[in-house]
Structures are given as C-alpha cells and as structure tokens.
Amino acid sequence: MKHIFKIVAILVAISAIWVALLETSTVPRSCAWLLPIYLVVALGCYGLFMVGFGLMFFPTCPQEAVLLQQDIVEAKEFLGKKGVDVGSE
C-alpha cells in the first residue's frame, strides 16, 4: 500500500509541475504540451536500459544450479511414482 501512495504522490507532483509549466511562460506552450510524452519515452528508455544492463551482468549461481538439478531429479522421481512419463533421462 505504501508503494501506491508513493506512486500517486509522484504522479501528482509531476502533474502539478506540468500544469505550472503550462500556466507560466518559462517553457514555450508548444513544448510544454509534449512533456508527458517525453516523460513516457524517457521512462521506456530507462526501463529498456535497466533490462539490458541486468541481462549483460546476469549473475551465475552455481550453488543454485545444483539445487535446481536436485529438485528436477526429485520431481522426476515423484512423477515417475505417479505413473507420469517424464522422458528418457
């Protein structure tokens, strides 16, 4: 619930800044109308960058790989006891 309030507060603050820019003459009106679109595009670029960065530096966890293999073996044994064909391995 705290995250919702934080997001709503940020959206209200951004909206207030945008309306203030529309009402004042600090930014040309033709540019101020496009600020929400620029914000969405900037957030999209940031999101793509973070996904790409996370994929480039994806951590390898050898301990977790061993645990996952053990879980797979246990699941195959369990399903084999129930009569489910899980493959040739």
N, C-alpha and C. Protein backbone atom coordinates (compact mmCIF):
# COMPACT_ATOMS: atom_id res chain seq x y z
N MET A 1 0.82 -1.19 0.00
CA MET A 1 0.00 0.00 0.00
C MET A 1 0.87 1.26 0.00
N LYS A 2 2.04 1.17 0.63
CA LYS A 2 2.92 2.33 0.68
C LYS A 2 3.39 2.71 -0.72
N HIS A 3 3.63 1.70 -1.57
CA HIS A 3 4.11 1.97 -2.92
C HIS A 3 3.04 2.70 -3.74
N ILE A 4 1.79 2.34 -3.54
CA ILE A 4 0.71 3.01 -4.26
C ILE A 4 0.68 4.49 -3.90
N PHE A 5 0.78 4.78 -2.61
CA PHE A 5 0.78 6.18 -2.18
C PHE A 5 1.98 6.93 -2.73
N LYS A 6 3.13 6.26 -2.77
CA LYS A 6 4.33 6.90 -3.30
C LYS A 6 4.16 7.19 -4.79
N ILE A 7 3.62 6.25 -5.53
CA ILE A 7 3.42 6.44 -6.96
C ILE A 7 2.40 7.55 -7.22
N VAL A 8 1.31 7.55 -6.45
CA VAL A 8 0.30 8.59 -6.61
C VAL A 8 0.89 9.96 -6.28
N ALA A 9 1.69 10.04 -5.24
CA ALA A 9 2.32 11.31 -4.86
C ALA A 9 3.25 11.80 -5.96
N ILE A 10 4.01 10.90 -6.55
CA ILE A 10 4.91 11.28 -7.63
C ILE A 10 4.12 11.76 -8.84
N LEU A 11 3.03 11.05 -9.17
CA LEU A 11 2.20 11.46 -10.30
C LEU A 11 1.55 12.82 -10.06
N VAL A 12 1.11 13.07 -8.83
CA VAL A 12 0.52 14.37 -8.51
C VAL A 12 1.58 15.47 -8.62
N ALA A 13 2.78 15.21 -8.13
CA ALA A 13 3.85 16.20 -8.21
C ALA A 13 4.21 16.50 -9.66
N ILE A 14 4.32 15.46 -10.47
CA ILE A 14 4.65 15.66 -11.89
C ILE A 14 3.53 16.43 -12.58
N SER A 15 2.29 16.08 -12.27
CA SER A 15 1.15 16.80 -12.87
C SER A 15 1.14 18.27 -12.45
N ALA A 16 1.45 18.53 -11.19
CA ALA A 16 1.48 19.92 -10.71
C ALA A 16 2.57 20.71 -11.42
N ILE A 17 3.73 20.10 -11.60
CA ILE A 17 4.81 20.78 -12.31
C ILE A 17 4.42 21.03 -13.75
N TRP A 18 3.76 20.06 -14.38
CA TRP A 18 3.35 20.20 -15.77
C TRP A 18 2.33 21.33 -15.92
N VAL A 19 1.35 21.37 -15.04
CA VAL A 19 0.33 22.42 -15.09
C VAL A 19 0.98 23.78 -14.84
N ALA A 20 1.92 23.83 -13.91
CA ALA A 20 2.61 25.10 -13.64
C ALA A 20 3.40 25.55 -14.87
N LEU A 21 4.03 24.63 -15.56
CA LEU A 21 4.76 24.99 -16.78
C LEU A 21 3.82 25.45 -17.88
N LEU A 22 2.62 24.87 -17.93
CA LEU A 22 1.64 25.31 -18.92
C LEU A 22 1.14 26.72 -18.62
N GLU A 23 0.98 27.04 -17.35
CA GLU A 23 0.42 28.33 -16.95
C GLU A 23 1.44 29.46 -17.01
N THR A 24 2.69 29.15 -16.77
CA THR A 24 3.73 30.19 -16.81
C THR A 24 4.34 30.23 -18.20
N SER A 25 5.17 31.19 -18.42
CA SER A 25 5.80 31.32 -19.73
C SER A 25 7.27 30.92 -19.71
N THR A 26 7.67 30.08 -18.74
CA THR A 26 9.08 29.67 -18.67
C THR A 26 9.43 28.72 -19.80
N VAL A 27 8.48 27.91 -20.20
CA VAL A 27 8.68 26.97 -21.30
C VAL A 27 7.63 27.29 -22.36
N PRO A 28 8.01 27.32 -23.62
CA PRO A 28 7.01 27.58 -24.66
C PRO A 28 5.85 26.59 -24.57
N ARG A 29 4.65 27.07 -24.79
CA ARG A 29 3.45 26.25 -24.64
C ARG A 29 3.47 25.04 -25.57
N SER A 30 4.03 25.19 -26.76
CA SER A 30 4.09 24.07 -27.70
C SER A 30 4.99 22.94 -27.17
N CYS A 31 6.02 23.29 -26.43
CA CYS A 31 6.90 22.27 -25.84
C CYS A 31 6.29 21.69 -24.56
N ALA A 32 5.61 22.51 -23.79
CA ALA A 32 5.05 22.05 -22.52
C ALA A 32 3.98 20.99 -22.73
N TRP A 33 3.24 21.08 -23.84
CA TRP A 33 2.20 20.07 -24.10
C TRP A 33 2.81 18.70 -24.36
N LEU A 34 4.03 18.68 -24.85
CA LEU A 34 4.67 17.41 -25.19
C LEU A 34 5.44 16.78 -24.03
N LEU A 35 5.56 17.48 -22.91
CA LEU A 35 6.35 16.96 -21.78
C LEU A 35 5.87 15.59 -21.28
N PRO A 36 4.56 15.31 -21.17
CA PRO A 36 4.16 13.96 -20.74
C PRO A 36 4.61 12.86 -21.70
N ILE A 37 4.60 13.17 -22.99
CA ILE A 37 5.06 12.18 -23.97
C ILE A 37 6.56 11.96 -23.80
N TYR A 38 7.31 13.05 -23.62
CA TYR A 38 8.74 12.92 -23.38
C TYR A 38 9.02 12.10 -22.12
N LEU A 39 8.23 12.31 -21.09
CA LEU A 39 8.40 11.57 -19.84
C LEU A 39 8.16 10.08 -20.05
N VAL A 40 7.12 9.73 -20.78
CA VAL A 40 6.83 8.31 -21.04
C VAL A 40 7.94 7.68 -21.87
N VAL A 41 8.42 8.40 -22.88
CA VAL A 41 9.51 7.88 -23.71
C VAL A 41 10.78 7.72 -22.88
N ALA A 42 11.07 8.70 -22.02
CA ALA A 42 12.26 8.62 -21.17
C ALA A 42 12.17 7.44 -20.21
N LEU A 43 10.99 7.23 -19.62
CA LEU A 43 10.82 6.09 -18.72
C LEU A 43 10.95 4.76 -19.46
N GLY A 44 10.45 4.71 -20.69
CA GLY A 44 10.61 3.50 -21.50
C GLY A 44 12.07 3.22 -21.82
N CYS A 45 12.81 4.25 -22.18
CA CYS A 45 14.24 4.09 -22.44
C CYS A 45 14.99 3.64 -21.19
N TYR A 46 14.62 4.23 -20.06
CA TYR A 46 15.25 3.84 -18.80
C TYR A 46 14.96 2.37 -18.49
N GLY A 47 13.71 1.95 -18.70
CA GLY A 47 13.35 0.57 -18.45
C GLY A 47 14.09 -0.40 -19.35
N LEU A 48 14.19 -0.06 -20.64
CA LEU A 48 14.94 -0.91 -21.56
C LEU A 48 16.42 -0.97 -21.19
N PHE A 49 16.97 0.16 -20.78
CA PHE A 49 18.37 0.18 -20.35
C PHE A 49 18.58 -0.72 -19.14
N MET A 50 17.67 -0.65 -18.16
CA MET A 50 17.83 -1.46 -16.96
C MET A 50 17.70 -2.95 -17.27
N VAL A 51 16.79 -3.32 -18.16
CA VAL A 51 16.66 -4.72 -18.56
C VAL A 51 17.94 -5.18 -19.28
N GLY A 52 18.43 -4.38 -20.21
CA GLY A 52 19.65 -4.74 -20.92
C GLY A 52 20.85 -4.83 -20.00
N PHE A 53 20.95 -3.90 -19.07
CA PHE A 53 22.05 -3.92 -18.11
C PHE A 53 21.97 -5.17 -17.23
N GLY A 54 20.76 -5.51 -16.80
CA GLY A 54 20.58 -6.70 -15.99
C GLY A 54 20.93 -7.97 -16.74
N LEU A 55 20.62 -8.01 -18.04
CA LEU A 55 20.96 -9.18 -18.84
C LEU A 55 22.45 -9.28 -19.11
N MET A 56 23.11 -8.13 -19.28
CA MET A 56 24.56 -8.15 -19.53
C MET A 56 25.33 -8.65 -18.32
N PHE A 57 24.88 -8.30 -17.14
CA PHE A 57 25.60 -8.65 -15.92
C PHE A 57 24.80 -9.63 -15.07
N PHE A 58 24.13 -10.57 -15.75
CA PHE A 58 23.33 -11.56 -15.05
C PHE A 58 24.25 -12.46 -14.22
N PRO A 59 23.99 -12.56 -12.93
CA PRO A 59 24.89 -13.35 -12.09
C PRO A 59 24.68 -14.85 -12.30
N THR A 60 25.78 -15.57 -12.24
CA THR A 60 25.68 -17.03 -12.29
C THR A 60 25.76 -17.54 -10.86
N CYS A 61 24.93 -18.49 -10.55
CA CYS A 61 24.84 -19.02 -9.19
C CYS A 61 25.03 -20.53 -9.25
N PRO A 62 26.26 -21.02 -9.14
CA PRO A 62 26.49 -22.46 -9.25
C PRO A 62 25.78 -23.26 -8.15
N GLN A 63 25.68 -22.68 -6.95
CA GLN A 63 25.01 -23.40 -5.86
C GLN A 63 23.52 -23.58 -6.19
N GLU A 64 22.92 -22.56 -6.73
CA GLU A 64 21.50 -22.63 -7.09
C GLU A 64 21.28 -23.60 -8.24
N ALA A 65 22.25 -23.71 -9.15
CA ALA A 65 22.13 -24.65 -10.26
C ALA A 65 22.12 -26.09 -9.74
N VAL A 66 22.96 -26.36 -8.74
CA VAL A 66 22.99 -27.71 -8.15
C VAL A 66 21.68 -28.01 -7.45
N LEU A 67 21.15 -27.03 -6.70
CA LEU A 67 19.87 -27.22 -6.02
C LEU A 67 18.73 -27.43 -7.02
N LEU A 68 18.78 -26.71 -8.12
CA LEU A 68 17.75 -26.86 -9.15
C LEU A 68 17.81 -28.24 -9.77
N GLN A 69 19.02 -28.74 -10.02
CA GLN A 69 19.15 -30.09 -10.58
C GLN A 69 18.62 -31.13 -9.61
N GLN A 70 18.85 -30.95 -8.31
CA GLN A 70 18.31 -31.87 -7.31
C GLN A 70 16.79 -31.82 -7.29
N ASP A 71 16.23 -30.63 -7.41
CA ASP A 71 14.77 -30.50 -7.45
C ASP A 71 14.19 -31.19 -8.68
N ILE A 72 14.89 -31.10 -9.80
CA ILE A 72 14.42 -31.74 -11.02
C ILE A 72 14.43 -33.25 -10.86
N VAL A 73 15.49 -33.78 -10.27
CA VAL A 73 15.57 -35.22 -10.04
C VAL A 73 14.45 -35.68 -9.11
N GLU A 74 14.21 -34.93 -8.03
CA GLU A 74 13.13 -35.28 -7.10
C GLU A 74 11.77 -35.23 -7.77
N ALA A 75 11.56 -34.23 -8.62
CA ALA A 75 10.27 -34.11 -9.31
C ALA A 75 10.07 -35.26 -10.29
N LYS A 76 11.13 -35.64 -10.99
CA LYS A 76 11.01 -36.77 -11.92
C LYS A 76 10.71 -38.07 -11.17
N GLU A 77 11.36 -38.27 -10.02
CA GLU A 77 11.08 -39.47 -9.23
C GLU A 77 9.64 -39.47 -8.74
N PHE A 78 9.17 -38.33 -8.26
CA PHE A 78 7.81 -38.23 -7.76
C PHE A 78 6.80 -38.50 -8.87
N LEU A 79 7.02 -37.86 -10.02
CA LEU A 79 6.10 -38.07 -11.12
C LEU A 79 6.18 -39.49 -11.67
N GLY A 80 7.39 -40.07 -11.63
CA GLY A 80 7.53 -41.45 -12.06
C GLY A 80 6.74 -42.41 -11.19
N LYS A 81 6.71 -42.15 -9.88
CA LYS A 81 5.93 -42.98 -8.96
C LYS A 81 4.43 -42.85 -9.23
N LYS A 82 4.02 -41.68 -9.72
CA LYS A 82 2.60 -41.44 -10.01
C LYS A 82 2.21 -41.98 -11.38
N GLY A 83 3.17 -42.49 -12.15
CA GLY A 83 2.87 -43.05 -13.45
C GLY A 83 2.96 -42.08 -14.61
N VAL A 84 3.61 -40.96 -14.40
CA VAL A 84 3.76 -39.98 -15.47
C VAL A 84 5.11 -40.20 -16.15
N ASP A 85 5.09 -40.28 -17.49
CA ASP A 85 6.33 -40.45 -18.24
C ASP A 85 6.99 -39.08 -18.39
N VAL A 86 8.19 -38.93 -17.81
CA VAL A 86 8.86 -37.62 -17.81
C VAL A 86 10.04 -37.57 -18.75
N GLY A 87 10.26 -38.55 -19.55
CA GLY A 87 11.35 -38.51 -20.50
C GLY A 87 12.32 -39.64 -20.30
N SER A 88 13.33 -39.68 -21.15
CA SER A 88 14.28 -40.79 -21.13
C SER A 88 15.41 -40.60 -20.14
N GLU A 89 15.60 -39.41 -19.63
CA GLU A 89 16.75 -39.18 -18.75
C GLU A 89 16.51 -39.72 -17.39
